[in-house]
Amino acid sequence: MMKTGYMKLKPNQIKLLREQKAWSQSHLAEVSGLSLRTIQRIEKEDSASQESVQALASVFETNASELLIANKVKKSPLLFPASAIAAVIAFVVAYAWSSSSVAENLVLDFSASYRLLGSDTREENLLTIDGAIHLKENETTRLKLNDLISYEISVSFLEDDKILILSHIFDEGVGKGNLVGSPKIITLNHKEAIIEVGDEKLGKVYSIRVTPHK
């Protein structure tokens, strides 16, 4: 029997996606911020909590709905009075507004920088931007460091108040699609985290310091 509050996944979907990436269960647990026991249970029972589904959707770079079995809507011959329909609509609108407000309360302090490998931070080849952005869950914001370098950032809320921060780093000066890397990190509310990608071939280091505030 599926636990209350858990969502039904497509049979073997998580295992299939994991094997397509040649990941072990331990590696999936590490990048998703979930425990190994949770991953093993999910693959065995094909069910997971909403937070776990969202975390897995983020690391597999897909929509949560793609992992779930679609609910079939049954037609009902019963007719509801207008007052009942109005009450349902009011509840849905209030819930949507409340959820949106909570998500919008996430503020991400950031400091994005770029420098050449081996350079001193006092030299002129260090570029940095600092600021704060408001983010909804799974909403992507693009930060532009200069005419060539930019960062895309999005967040997802996980279990135990953990926050998954995803990023994509672009450098139009490197060619071959401009994407330098897609680092991710899991942190906690009010705790600073550092995302960094160093490319020895290009001789460049890209860094983002972020501190989330829910």
N, C-alpha and C. Protein backbone atom coordinates (compact mmCIF):
# COMPACT_ATOMS: atom_id res chain seq x y z
N MET A 1 0.84 -1.19 0.00
CA MET A 1 0.00 0.00 0.00
C MET A 1 0.88 1.25 0.00
N MET A 2 0.54 2.23 -0.85
CA MET A 2 1.32 3.45 -0.94
C MET A 2 1.04 4.34 0.26
N LYS A 3 2.09 4.95 0.82
CA LYS A 3 1.95 5.81 1.99
C LYS A 3 1.13 7.05 1.65
N THR A 4 0.41 7.55 2.66
CA THR A 4 -0.38 8.76 2.49
C THR A 4 0.53 9.93 2.15
N GLY A 5 0.13 10.72 1.15
CA GLY A 5 0.94 11.88 0.76
C GLY A 5 1.99 11.56 -0.27
N TYR A 6 2.13 10.28 -0.64
CA TYR A 6 3.12 9.89 -1.63
C TYR A 6 2.50 9.89 -3.03
N MET A 7 3.33 10.08 -4.03
CA MET A 7 2.85 10.16 -5.40
C MET A 7 3.30 8.91 -6.16
N LYS A 8 2.44 8.43 -7.05
CA LYS A 8 2.73 7.20 -7.78
C LYS A 8 3.55 7.51 -9.03
N LEU A 9 4.71 6.87 -9.13
CA LEU A 9 5.60 7.08 -10.27
C LEU A 9 5.33 6.06 -11.37
N LYS A 10 5.73 6.41 -12.57
CA LYS A 10 5.65 5.45 -13.67
C LYS A 10 6.56 4.26 -13.33
N PRO A 11 6.12 3.04 -13.57
CA PRO A 11 6.92 1.87 -13.20
C PRO A 11 8.34 1.92 -13.77
N ASN A 12 9.32 1.75 -12.91
CA ASN A 12 10.74 1.67 -13.29
C ASN A 12 11.29 2.94 -13.95
N GLN A 13 10.54 4.08 -13.86
CA GLN A 13 10.98 5.30 -14.54
C GLN A 13 12.28 5.84 -13.95
N ILE A 14 12.39 5.88 -12.63
CA ILE A 14 13.59 6.42 -11.99
C ILE A 14 14.80 5.54 -12.29
N LYS A 15 14.61 4.24 -12.20
CA LYS A 15 15.70 3.32 -12.49
C LYS A 15 16.16 3.46 -13.94
N LEU A 16 15.20 3.60 -14.86
CA LEU A 16 15.54 3.74 -16.27
C LEU A 16 16.34 5.01 -16.52
N LEU A 17 15.89 6.13 -15.96
CA LEU A 17 16.61 7.40 -16.14
C LEU A 17 18.00 7.34 -15.51
N ARG A 18 18.09 6.70 -14.36
CA ARG A 18 19.38 6.58 -13.69
C ARG A 18 20.36 5.75 -14.52
N GLU A 19 19.88 4.63 -15.05
CA GLU A 19 20.76 3.75 -15.85
C GLU A 19 21.15 4.39 -17.17
N GLN A 20 20.27 5.24 -17.72
CA GLN A 20 20.61 5.95 -18.95
C GLN A 20 21.81 6.88 -18.74
N LYS A 21 21.95 7.40 -17.52
CA LYS A 21 23.07 8.27 -17.18
C LYS A 21 24.25 7.49 -16.63
N ALA A 22 24.09 6.15 -16.54
CA ALA A 22 25.14 5.29 -16.00
C ALA A 22 25.48 5.66 -14.56
N TRP A 23 24.44 6.03 -13.78
CA TRP A 23 24.62 6.41 -12.38
C TRP A 23 24.29 5.22 -11.49
N SER A 24 25.01 5.10 -10.40
CA SER A 24 24.65 4.14 -9.36
C SER A 24 23.58 4.76 -8.47
N GLN A 25 22.95 3.93 -7.66
CA GLN A 25 21.97 4.47 -6.72
C GLN A 25 22.62 5.44 -5.75
N SER A 26 23.85 5.15 -5.36
CA SER A 26 24.57 6.03 -4.43
C SER A 26 24.84 7.40 -5.05
N HIS A 27 25.20 7.40 -6.35
CA HIS A 27 25.47 8.68 -7.01
C HIS A 27 24.19 9.49 -7.17
N LEU A 28 23.09 8.82 -7.50
CA LEU A 28 21.81 9.52 -7.62
C LEU A 28 21.42 10.12 -6.27
N ALA A 29 21.65 9.39 -5.21
CA ALA A 29 21.33 9.90 -3.87
C ALA A 29 22.16 11.16 -3.57
N GLU A 30 23.43 11.12 -3.97
CA GLU A 30 24.33 12.26 -3.69
C GLU A 30 23.90 13.51 -4.43
N VAL A 31 23.63 13.40 -5.75
CA VAL A 31 23.32 14.60 -6.54
C VAL A 31 21.91 15.12 -6.28
N SER A 32 21.02 14.25 -5.81
CA SER A 32 19.64 14.68 -5.55
C SER A 32 19.43 15.18 -4.13
N GLY A 33 20.38 14.87 -3.24
CA GLY A 33 20.22 15.28 -1.85
C GLY A 33 19.34 14.34 -1.05
N LEU A 34 18.99 13.20 -1.63
CA LEU A 34 18.17 12.21 -0.93
C LEU A 34 19.07 11.12 -0.36
N SER A 35 18.57 10.36 0.57
CA SER A 35 19.36 9.28 1.15
C SER A 35 19.36 8.08 0.21
N LEU A 36 20.39 7.22 0.35
CA LEU A 36 20.46 6.00 -0.46
C LEU A 36 19.26 5.12 -0.18
N ARG A 37 18.83 5.05 1.08
CA ARG A 37 17.67 4.23 1.43
C ARG A 37 16.42 4.75 0.73
N THR A 38 16.30 6.08 0.61
CA THR A 38 15.14 6.67 -0.07
C THR A 38 15.14 6.29 -1.54
N ILE A 39 16.31 6.36 -2.19
CA ILE A 39 16.41 6.00 -3.61
C ILE A 39 16.06 4.54 -3.80
N GLN A 40 16.56 3.66 -2.92
CA GLN A 40 16.27 2.23 -3.04
C GLN A 40 14.78 1.97 -2.87
N ARG A 41 14.14 2.67 -1.92
CA ARG A 41 12.71 2.47 -1.71
C ARG A 41 11.90 2.97 -2.90
N ILE A 42 12.29 4.12 -3.45
CA ILE A 42 11.57 4.69 -4.58
C ILE A 42 11.61 3.74 -5.77
N GLU A 43 12.79 3.19 -6.06
CA GLU A 43 12.91 2.28 -7.21
C GLU A 43 12.16 0.96 -6.97
N LYS A 44 12.03 0.57 -5.71
CA LYS A 44 11.33 -0.68 -5.40
C LYS A 44 9.82 -0.50 -5.42
N GLU A 45 9.34 0.63 -4.86
CA GLU A 45 7.90 0.82 -4.70
C GLU A 45 7.27 1.69 -5.77
N ASP A 46 8.10 2.40 -6.58
CA ASP A 46 7.59 3.31 -7.60
C ASP A 46 6.67 4.37 -7.00
N SER A 47 7.02 4.88 -5.83
CA SER A 47 6.27 5.96 -5.21
C SER A 47 7.25 6.84 -4.44
N ALA A 48 6.89 8.12 -4.29
CA ALA A 48 7.78 9.05 -3.60
C ALA A 48 6.99 10.25 -3.11
N SER A 49 7.55 10.96 -2.14
CA SER A 49 6.93 12.19 -1.66
C SER A 49 7.08 13.28 -2.72
N GLN A 50 6.29 14.33 -2.58
CA GLN A 50 6.36 15.43 -3.55
C GLN A 50 7.75 16.04 -3.59
N GLU A 51 8.38 16.19 -2.41
CA GLU A 51 9.72 16.77 -2.36
C GLU A 51 10.74 15.90 -3.08
N SER A 52 10.63 14.58 -2.90
CA SER A 52 11.55 13.66 -3.57
C SER A 52 11.36 13.68 -5.07
N VAL A 53 10.09 13.71 -5.50
CA VAL A 53 9.80 13.77 -6.94
C VAL A 53 10.41 15.03 -7.55
N GLN A 54 10.28 16.16 -6.85
CA GLN A 54 10.82 17.42 -7.37
C GLN A 54 12.34 17.36 -7.44
N ALA A 55 12.98 16.78 -6.44
CA ALA A 55 14.44 16.67 -6.43
C ALA A 55 14.92 15.80 -7.58
N LEU A 56 14.24 14.69 -7.82
CA LEU A 56 14.64 13.78 -8.91
C LEU A 56 14.39 14.43 -10.27
N ALA A 57 13.27 15.14 -10.40
CA ALA A 57 12.98 15.83 -11.66
C ALA A 57 14.07 16.85 -11.96
N SER A 58 14.58 17.51 -10.95
CA SER A 58 15.62 18.53 -11.14
C SER A 58 16.91 17.91 -11.63
N VAL A 59 17.35 16.81 -11.01
CA VAL A 59 18.64 16.23 -11.42
C VAL A 59 18.53 15.54 -12.78
N PHE A 60 17.34 15.06 -13.13
CA PHE A 60 17.16 14.45 -14.45
C PHE A 60 16.76 15.48 -15.50
N GLU A 61 16.63 16.76 -15.06
CA GLU A 61 16.31 17.88 -15.96
C GLU A 61 15.04 17.61 -16.75
N THR A 62 13.98 17.28 -16.03
CA THR A 62 12.69 17.04 -16.65
C THR A 62 11.60 17.58 -15.75
N ASN A 63 10.37 17.59 -16.23
CA ASN A 63 9.23 18.03 -15.42
C ASN A 63 8.80 16.89 -14.50
N ALA A 64 8.37 17.26 -13.30
CA ALA A 64 7.91 16.25 -12.34
C ALA A 64 6.78 15.40 -12.93
N SER A 65 5.93 16.03 -13.75
CA SER A 65 4.80 15.30 -14.34
C SER A 65 5.24 14.15 -15.24
N GLU A 66 6.46 14.25 -15.79
CA GLU A 66 6.97 13.19 -16.67
C GLU A 66 7.32 11.93 -15.88
N LEU A 67 7.47 12.05 -14.57
CA LEU A 67 7.82 10.91 -13.73
C LEU A 67 6.59 10.22 -13.14
N LEU A 68 5.45 10.91 -13.19
CA LEU A 68 4.26 10.43 -12.49
C LEU A 68 3.25 9.77 -13.42
N ILE A 69 2.46 8.88 -12.84
CA ILE A 69 1.34 8.29 -13.57
C ILE A 69 0.21 9.31 -13.58
N ALA A 70 -0.31 9.61 -14.75
CA ALA A 70 -1.37 10.61 -14.86
C ALA A 70 -2.63 10.11 -14.19
N ASN A 71 -3.25 10.98 -13.42
CA ASN A 71 -4.52 10.62 -12.77
C ASN A 71 -5.66 10.68 -13.77
N LYS A 72 -6.46 9.64 -13.82
CA LYS A 72 -7.61 9.61 -14.71
C LYS A 72 -8.80 10.30 -14.02
N VAL A 73 -9.37 11.25 -14.71
CA VAL A 73 -10.51 11.98 -14.16
C VAL A 73 -11.80 11.25 -14.52
N LYS A 74 -12.55 10.86 -13.50
CA LYS A 74 -13.81 10.17 -13.71
C LYS A 74 -14.95 11.16 -13.83
N LYS A 75 -15.79 10.95 -14.81
CA LYS A 75 -16.94 11.82 -15.00
C LYS A 75 -17.99 11.49 -13.95
N SER A 76 -18.59 12.49 -13.41
CA SER A 76 -19.62 12.28 -12.38
C SER A 76 -20.95 12.84 -12.86
N PRO A 77 -22.02 12.09 -12.63
CA PRO A 77 -23.34 12.57 -13.04
C PRO A 77 -23.91 13.58 -12.05
N LEU A 78 -23.26 13.80 -10.91
CA LEU A 78 -23.80 14.68 -9.90
C LEU A 78 -23.62 16.13 -10.30
N LEU A 79 -24.59 16.94 -9.98
CA LEU A 79 -24.53 18.37 -10.24
C LEU A 79 -24.32 19.10 -8.93
N PHE A 80 -23.36 20.04 -8.91
CA PHE A 80 -23.08 20.78 -7.69
C PHE A 80 -23.72 22.15 -7.75
N PRO A 81 -24.24 22.63 -6.65
CA PRO A 81 -24.82 23.97 -6.62
C PRO A 81 -23.76 25.02 -6.88
N ALA A 82 -24.19 26.17 -7.37
CA ALA A 82 -23.25 27.23 -7.72
C ALA A 82 -22.41 27.65 -6.52
N SER A 83 -22.99 27.63 -5.31
CA SER A 83 -22.25 28.04 -4.12
C SER A 83 -21.08 27.11 -3.85
N ALA A 84 -21.28 25.80 -4.09
CA ALA A 84 -20.21 24.83 -3.87
C ALA A 84 -19.09 25.04 -4.89
N ILE A 85 -19.47 25.29 -6.15
CA ILE A 85 -18.46 25.53 -7.19
C ILE A 85 -17.66 26.78 -6.87
N ALA A 86 -18.37 27.82 -6.42
CA ALA A 86 -17.69 29.07 -6.08
C ALA A 86 -16.72 28.85 -4.93
N ALA A 87 -17.11 28.01 -3.96
CA ALA A 87 -16.23 27.74 -2.83
C ALA A 87 -14.97 27.01 -3.27
N VAL A 88 -15.13 26.05 -4.19
CA VAL A 88 -13.98 25.31 -4.70
C VAL A 88 -13.03 26.24 -5.45
N ILE A 89 -13.60 27.11 -6.29
CA ILE A 89 -12.78 28.06 -7.06
C ILE A 89 -12.02 28.99 -6.11
N ALA A 90 -12.72 29.46 -5.08
CA ALA A 90 -12.07 30.36 -4.11
C ALA A 90 -10.92 29.66 -3.40
N PHE A 91 -11.11 28.36 -3.07
CA PHE A 91 -10.05 27.61 -2.41
C PHE A 91 -8.84 27.45 -3.31
N VAL A 92 -9.09 27.10 -4.59
CA VAL A 92 -7.98 26.90 -5.54
C VAL A 92 -7.21 28.19 -5.74
N VAL A 93 -7.92 29.30 -5.90
CA VAL A 93 -7.26 30.59 -6.10
C VAL A 93 -6.44 30.96 -4.87
N ALA A 94 -7.02 30.75 -3.69
CA ALA A 94 -6.30 31.09 -2.45
C ALA A 94 -5.07 30.23 -2.29
N TYR A 95 -5.19 28.93 -2.60
CA TYR A 95 -4.04 28.03 -2.49
C TYR A 95 -2.95 28.41 -3.46
N ALA A 96 -3.32 28.72 -4.70
CA ALA A 96 -2.33 29.11 -5.70
C ALA A 96 -1.62 30.38 -5.31
N TRP A 97 -2.38 31.35 -4.79
CA TRP A 97 -1.77 32.61 -4.37
C TRP A 97 -0.82 32.38 -3.21
N SER A 98 -1.25 31.53 -2.26
CA SER A 98 -0.42 31.25 -1.09
C SER A 98 0.87 30.55 -1.49
N SER A 99 0.78 29.54 -2.39
CA SER A 99 1.96 28.82 -2.83
C SER A 99 2.91 29.75 -3.54
N SER A 100 2.35 30.61 -4.40
CA SER A 100 3.18 31.54 -5.15
C SER A 100 3.89 32.51 -4.22
N SER A 101 3.17 32.97 -3.18
CA SER A 101 3.76 33.93 -2.26
C SER A 101 4.92 33.30 -1.50
N VAL A 102 4.75 32.03 -1.09
CA VAL A 102 5.83 31.37 -0.36
C VAL A 102 7.06 31.23 -1.25
N ALA A 103 6.84 30.82 -2.52
CA ALA A 103 7.96 30.64 -3.42
C ALA A 103 8.67 31.95 -3.70
N GLU A 104 7.90 33.05 -3.81
CA GLU A 104 8.50 34.34 -4.12
C GLU A 104 9.31 34.88 -2.95
N ASN A 105 9.10 34.33 -1.76
CA ASN A 105 9.83 34.81 -0.60
C ASN A 105 11.28 34.36 -0.58
N LEU A 106 11.69 33.49 -1.53
CA LEU A 106 13.08 33.07 -1.57
C LEU A 106 13.92 34.18 -2.20
N VAL A 107 14.86 34.68 -1.41
CA VAL A 107 15.81 35.67 -1.91
C VAL A 107 17.18 35.01 -1.97
N LEU A 108 17.85 35.18 -3.09
CA LEU A 108 19.16 34.57 -3.27
C LEU A 108 20.22 35.66 -3.38
N ASP A 109 21.02 35.79 -2.33
CA ASP A 109 22.17 36.69 -2.40
C ASP A 109 23.25 36.00 -3.22
N PHE A 110 23.88 36.73 -4.12
CA PHE A 110 24.88 36.09 -4.97
C PHE A 110 26.09 37.00 -5.20
N SER A 111 27.18 36.35 -5.52
CA SER A 111 28.39 37.03 -5.96
C SER A 111 29.00 36.16 -7.04
N ALA A 112 28.86 36.58 -8.29
CA ALA A 112 29.36 35.81 -9.43
C ALA A 112 30.66 36.43 -9.92
N SER A 113 31.63 35.58 -10.21
CA SER A 113 32.93 36.10 -10.63
C SER A 113 33.59 35.20 -11.68
N TYR A 114 34.59 35.77 -12.31
CA TYR A 114 35.35 35.07 -13.33
C TYR A 114 36.79 35.56 -13.26
N ARG A 115 37.72 34.65 -13.38
CA ARG A 115 39.12 35.07 -13.39
C ARG A 115 39.94 34.06 -14.20
N LEU A 116 41.14 34.44 -14.54
CA LEU A 116 42.06 33.54 -15.23
C LEU A 116 42.75 32.66 -14.20
N LEU A 117 43.01 31.40 -14.57
CA LEU A 117 43.70 30.49 -13.67
C LEU A 117 45.06 31.06 -13.29
N GLY A 118 45.40 30.98 -12.02
CA GLY A 118 46.68 31.47 -11.57
C GLY A 118 46.75 32.95 -11.35
N SER A 119 45.65 33.66 -11.59
CA SER A 119 45.67 35.11 -11.42
C SER A 119 45.40 35.49 -9.97
N ASP A 120 45.87 36.63 -9.58
CA ASP A 120 45.64 37.16 -8.25
C ASP A 120 44.34 37.96 -8.28
N THR A 121 43.55 37.86 -7.19
CA THR A 121 42.25 38.54 -7.16
C THR A 121 42.40 40.05 -7.23
N ARG A 122 43.61 40.58 -7.03
CA ARG A 122 43.79 42.02 -7.09
C ARG A 122 44.06 42.50 -8.52
N GLU A 123 44.26 41.55 -9.43
CA GLU A 123 44.58 41.95 -10.79
C GLU A 123 43.33 42.34 -11.56
N GLU A 124 43.53 43.01 -12.68
CA GLU A 124 42.41 43.57 -13.43
C GLU A 124 41.58 42.51 -14.16
N ASN A 125 42.12 41.30 -14.30
CA ASN A 125 41.37 40.28 -15.03
C ASN A 125 40.31 39.58 -14.16
N LEU A 126 40.10 40.07 -12.96
CA LEU A 126 39.03 39.55 -12.12
C LEU A 126 37.76 40.39 -12.33
N LEU A 127 36.66 39.72 -12.70
CA LEU A 127 35.37 40.39 -12.89
C LEU A 127 34.38 39.83 -11.87
N THR A 128 33.63 40.69 -11.21
CA THR A 128 32.68 40.25 -10.19
C THR A 128 31.41 41.10 -10.23
N ILE A 129 30.26 40.45 -10.01
CA ILE A 129 29.00 41.17 -9.81
C ILE A 129 28.36 40.63 -8.53
N ASP A 130 27.75 41.52 -7.75
CA ASP A 130 27.09 41.13 -6.50
C ASP A 130 25.67 41.67 -6.52
N GLY A 131 24.79 40.97 -5.83
CA GLY A 131 23.41 41.45 -5.75
C GLY A 131 22.51 40.42 -5.09
N ALA A 132 21.22 40.60 -5.26
CA ALA A 132 20.22 39.69 -4.70
C ALA A 132 19.08 39.57 -5.70
N ILE A 133 18.53 38.37 -5.85
CA ILE A 133 17.42 38.13 -6.76
C ILE A 133 16.31 37.39 -6.03
N HIS A 134 15.06 37.64 -6.46
CA HIS A 134 13.89 36.93 -5.93
C HIS A 134 13.57 35.80 -6.90
N LEU A 135 13.42 34.58 -6.37
CA LEU A 135 13.18 33.42 -7.21
C LEU A 135 11.98 32.62 -6.74
N LYS A 136 11.17 32.16 -7.69
CA LYS A 136 10.17 31.15 -7.41
C LYS A 136 10.82 29.79 -7.64
N GLU A 137 10.26 28.76 -7.05
CA GLU A 137 10.81 27.42 -7.22
C GLU A 137 10.78 27.03 -8.71
N ASN A 138 11.91 26.52 -9.21
CA ASN A 138 12.09 26.07 -10.60
C ASN A 138 12.05 27.21 -11.61
N GLU A 139 12.04 28.45 -11.15
CA GLU A 139 12.12 29.59 -12.06
C GLU A 139 13.59 29.87 -12.33
N THR A 140 13.94 30.12 -13.59
CA THR A 140 15.33 30.36 -13.97
C THR A 140 15.57 31.85 -14.20
N THR A 141 16.64 32.34 -13.59
CA THR A 141 17.05 33.73 -13.76
C THR A 141 18.45 33.76 -14.36
N ARG A 142 18.65 34.67 -15.30
CA ARG A 142 19.96 34.77 -15.96
C ARG A 142 20.69 36.02 -15.47
N LEU A 143 21.93 35.84 -15.03
CA LEU A 143 22.76 36.93 -14.57
C LEU A 143 23.88 37.15 -15.59
N LYS A 144 24.07 38.37 -16.00
CA LYS A 144 25.09 38.67 -17.00
C LYS A 144 26.29 39.31 -16.33
N LEU A 145 27.45 38.66 -16.45
CA LEU A 145 28.66 39.18 -15.84
C LEU A 145 29.30 40.25 -16.73
N ASN A 146 29.37 39.96 -18.02
CA ASN A 146 29.83 40.95 -19.00
C ASN A 146 29.23 40.58 -20.35
N ASP A 147 29.78 41.11 -21.43
CA ASP A 147 29.20 40.85 -22.75
C ASP A 147 29.34 39.39 -23.18
N LEU A 148 30.23 38.63 -22.55
CA LEU A 148 30.49 37.26 -22.97
C LEU A 148 29.99 36.22 -21.96
N ILE A 149 30.08 36.52 -20.68
CA ILE A 149 29.84 35.52 -19.65
C ILE A 149 28.52 35.78 -18.92
N SER A 150 27.73 34.72 -18.75
CA SER A 150 26.46 34.83 -18.03
C SER A 150 26.20 33.54 -17.27
N TYR A 151 25.33 33.64 -16.25
CA TYR A 151 24.98 32.51 -15.40
C TYR A 151 23.46 32.37 -15.34
N GLU A 152 22.96 31.13 -15.45
CA GLU A 152 21.55 30.85 -15.23
C GLU A 152 21.42 30.11 -13.90
N ILE A 153 20.48 30.55 -13.07
CA ILE A 153 20.31 29.96 -11.73
C ILE A 153 18.84 29.63 -11.49
N SER A 154 18.59 28.46 -10.89
CA SER A 154 17.25 28.09 -10.46
C SER A 154 17.36 27.32 -9.15
N VAL A 155 16.26 27.24 -8.41
CA VAL A 155 16.28 26.56 -7.11
C VAL A 155 15.11 25.59 -7.00
N SER A 156 15.31 24.55 -6.19
CA SER A 156 14.24 23.60 -5.87
C SER A 156 14.30 23.33 -4.37
N PHE A 157 13.12 23.18 -3.75
CA PHE A 157 13.07 22.90 -2.33
C PHE A 157 13.00 21.39 -2.10
N LEU A 158 13.90 20.88 -1.26
CA LEU A 158 13.98 19.46 -0.99
C LEU A 158 13.49 19.16 0.43
N GLU A 159 13.59 17.89 0.82
CA GLU A 159 13.21 17.50 2.17
C GLU A 159 14.22 18.04 3.18
N ASP A 160 13.80 18.09 4.45
CA ASP A 160 14.66 18.53 5.55
C ASP A 160 15.17 19.95 5.34
N ASP A 161 14.36 20.80 4.69
CA ASP A 161 14.69 22.21 4.47
C ASP A 161 15.94 22.42 3.61
N LYS A 162 16.32 21.39 2.87
CA LYS A 162 17.46 21.55 1.97
C LYS A 162 17.03 22.28 0.70
N ILE A 163 17.95 22.98 0.11
CA ILE A 163 17.67 23.76 -1.11
C ILE A 163 18.67 23.35 -2.18
N LEU A 164 18.15 22.91 -3.32
CA LEU A 164 19.00 22.53 -4.45
C LEU A 164 19.15 23.73 -5.37
N ILE A 165 20.39 24.13 -5.61
CA ILE A 165 20.67 25.26 -6.49
C ILE A 165 21.32 24.73 -7.76
N LEU A 166 20.67 24.98 -8.88
CA LEU A 166 21.18 24.55 -10.19
C LEU A 166 21.70 25.76 -10.95
N SER A 167 22.76 25.55 -11.71
CA SER A 167 23.30 26.67 -12.48
C SER A 167 23.81 26.20 -13.84
N HIS A 168 23.81 27.10 -14.79
CA HIS A 168 24.42 26.88 -16.10
C HIS A 168 25.32 28.08 -16.36
N ILE A 169 26.55 27.82 -16.75
CA ILE A 169 27.52 28.88 -16.99
C ILE A 169 27.81 28.96 -18.48
N PHE A 170 27.65 30.15 -19.05
CA PHE A 170 27.85 30.34 -20.48
C PHE A 170 28.98 31.34 -20.72
N ASP A 171 29.81 31.04 -21.69
CA ASP A 171 30.89 31.95 -22.08
C ASP A 171 30.95 31.96 -23.61
N GLU A 172 30.50 33.04 -24.22
CA GLU A 172 30.45 33.11 -25.67
C GLU A 172 31.85 33.14 -26.28
N GLY A 173 32.86 33.28 -25.45
CA GLY A 173 34.22 33.29 -25.97
C GLY A 173 34.84 31.92 -26.12
N VAL A 174 34.15 30.86 -25.64
CA VAL A 174 34.75 29.53 -25.70
C VAL A 174 34.33 28.74 -26.93
N GLY A 175 33.25 29.16 -27.59
CA GLY A 175 32.77 28.43 -28.76
C GLY A 175 32.12 27.12 -28.35
N LYS A 176 31.79 26.30 -29.31
CA LYS A 176 31.20 24.97 -29.09
C LYS A 176 29.98 25.02 -28.17
N GLY A 177 29.04 25.87 -28.50
CA GLY A 177 27.78 25.92 -27.77
C GLY A 177 27.75 26.89 -26.61
N ASN A 178 28.91 27.42 -26.23
CA ASN A 178 29.01 28.45 -25.20
C ASN A 178 28.78 27.95 -23.78
N LEU A 179 28.26 26.72 -23.59
CA LEU A 179 28.00 26.21 -22.25
C LEU A 179 29.30 25.67 -21.65
N VAL A 180 29.74 26.28 -20.57
CA VAL A 180 30.97 25.86 -19.89
C VAL A 180 30.70 24.69 -18.96
N GLY A 181 29.59 24.75 -18.22
CA GLY A 181 29.26 23.68 -17.29
C GLY A 181 27.92 23.92 -16.63
N SER A 182 27.41 22.87 -15.94
CA SER A 182 26.12 22.97 -15.25
C SER A 182 26.27 22.45 -13.82
N PRO A 183 27.04 23.14 -12.99
CA PRO A 183 27.23 22.68 -11.62
C PRO A 183 25.99 22.87 -10.77
N LYS A 184 25.86 22.06 -9.74
CA LYS A 184 24.73 22.16 -8.82
C LYS A 184 25.24 21.89 -7.41
N ILE A 185 24.50 22.39 -6.44
CA ILE A 185 24.91 22.19 -5.05
C ILE A 185 23.68 22.22 -4.16
N ILE A 186 23.75 21.51 -3.04
CA ILE A 186 22.65 21.51 -2.07
C ILE A 186 23.11 22.23 -0.82
N THR A 187 22.30 23.16 -0.35
CA THR A 187 22.65 23.93 0.83
C THR A 187 21.42 24.08 1.72
N LEU A 188 21.56 24.87 2.78
CA LEU A 188 20.47 25.11 3.72
C LEU A 188 20.12 26.59 3.74
N ASN A 189 18.96 26.89 4.30
CA ASN A 189 18.53 28.28 4.40
C ASN A 189 19.56 29.11 5.18
N HIS A 190 19.90 30.27 4.66
CA HIS A 190 20.84 31.21 5.27
C HIS A 190 22.29 30.70 5.27
N LYS A 191 22.58 29.62 4.57
CA LYS A 191 23.95 29.09 4.55
C LYS A 191 24.58 29.33 3.18
N GLU A 192 25.76 29.94 3.19
CA GLU A 192 26.44 30.25 1.93
C GLU A 192 26.97 28.98 1.27
N ALA A 193 26.87 28.92 -0.04
CA ALA A 193 27.40 27.81 -0.81
C ALA A 193 28.21 28.38 -1.98
N ILE A 194 29.20 27.64 -2.40
CA ILE A 194 30.07 28.09 -3.50
C ILE A 194 29.98 27.09 -4.64
N ILE A 195 29.62 27.59 -5.82
CA ILE A 195 29.58 26.77 -7.03
C ILE A 195 30.73 27.26 -7.90
N GLU A 196 31.60 26.34 -8.30
CA GLU A 196 32.78 26.78 -9.07
C GLU A 196 33.12 25.77 -10.15
N VAL A 197 33.49 26.28 -11.32
CA VAL A 197 33.93 25.45 -12.43
C VAL A 197 35.26 26.01 -12.92
N GLY A 198 36.27 25.16 -12.95
CA GLY A 198 37.57 25.57 -13.47
C GLY A 198 37.89 24.80 -14.73
N ASP A 199 38.25 25.50 -15.78
CA ASP A 199 38.58 24.86 -17.05
C ASP A 199 40.07 25.09 -17.33
N GLU A 200 40.89 24.06 -17.09
CA GLU A 200 42.33 24.20 -17.28
C GLU A 200 42.69 24.44 -18.75
N LYS A 201 41.93 23.84 -19.65
CA LYS A 201 42.22 24.03 -21.07
C LYS A 201 42.02 25.48 -21.49
N LEU A 202 40.96 26.10 -20.97
CA LEU A 202 40.69 27.51 -21.28
C LEU A 202 41.46 28.44 -20.36
N GLY A 203 41.92 27.89 -19.23
CA GLY A 203 42.64 28.72 -18.27
C GLY A 203 41.73 29.69 -17.55
N LYS A 204 40.49 29.28 -17.26
CA LYS A 204 39.52 30.17 -16.65
C LYS A 204 38.84 29.49 -15.46
N VAL A 205 38.41 30.31 -14.50
CA VAL A 205 37.65 29.83 -13.35
C VAL A 205 36.38 30.66 -13.23
N TYR A 206 35.22 29.97 -13.12
CA TYR A 206 33.92 30.64 -12.99
C TYR A 206 33.35 30.27 -11.62
N SER A 207 32.96 31.26 -10.84
CA SER A 207 32.48 31.01 -9.48
C SER A 207 31.18 31.76 -9.20
N ILE A 208 30.35 31.12 -8.35
CA ILE A 208 29.14 31.79 -7.85
C ILE A 208 29.04 31.48 -6.36
N ARG A 209 29.00 32.52 -5.53
CA ARG A 209 28.71 32.37 -4.12
C ARG A 209 27.23 32.73 -3.91
N VAL A 210 26.48 31.82 -3.31
CA VAL A 210 25.05 32.07 -3.14
C VAL A 210 24.63 31.78 -1.70
N THR A 211 23.69 32.58 -1.21
CA THR A 211 23.11 32.37 0.11
C THR A 211 21.59 32.52 0.00
N PRO A 212 20.83 31.43 0.16
CA PRO A 212 19.36 31.52 0.04
C PRO A 212 18.71 31.98 1.34
N HIS A 213 17.62 32.72 1.20
CA HIS A 213 16.83 33.17 2.36
C HIS A 213 15.36 32.93 2.06
N LYS A 214 14.76 31.94 2.75
CA LYS A 214 13.35 31.63 2.53
C LYS A 214 12.48 32.45 3.46
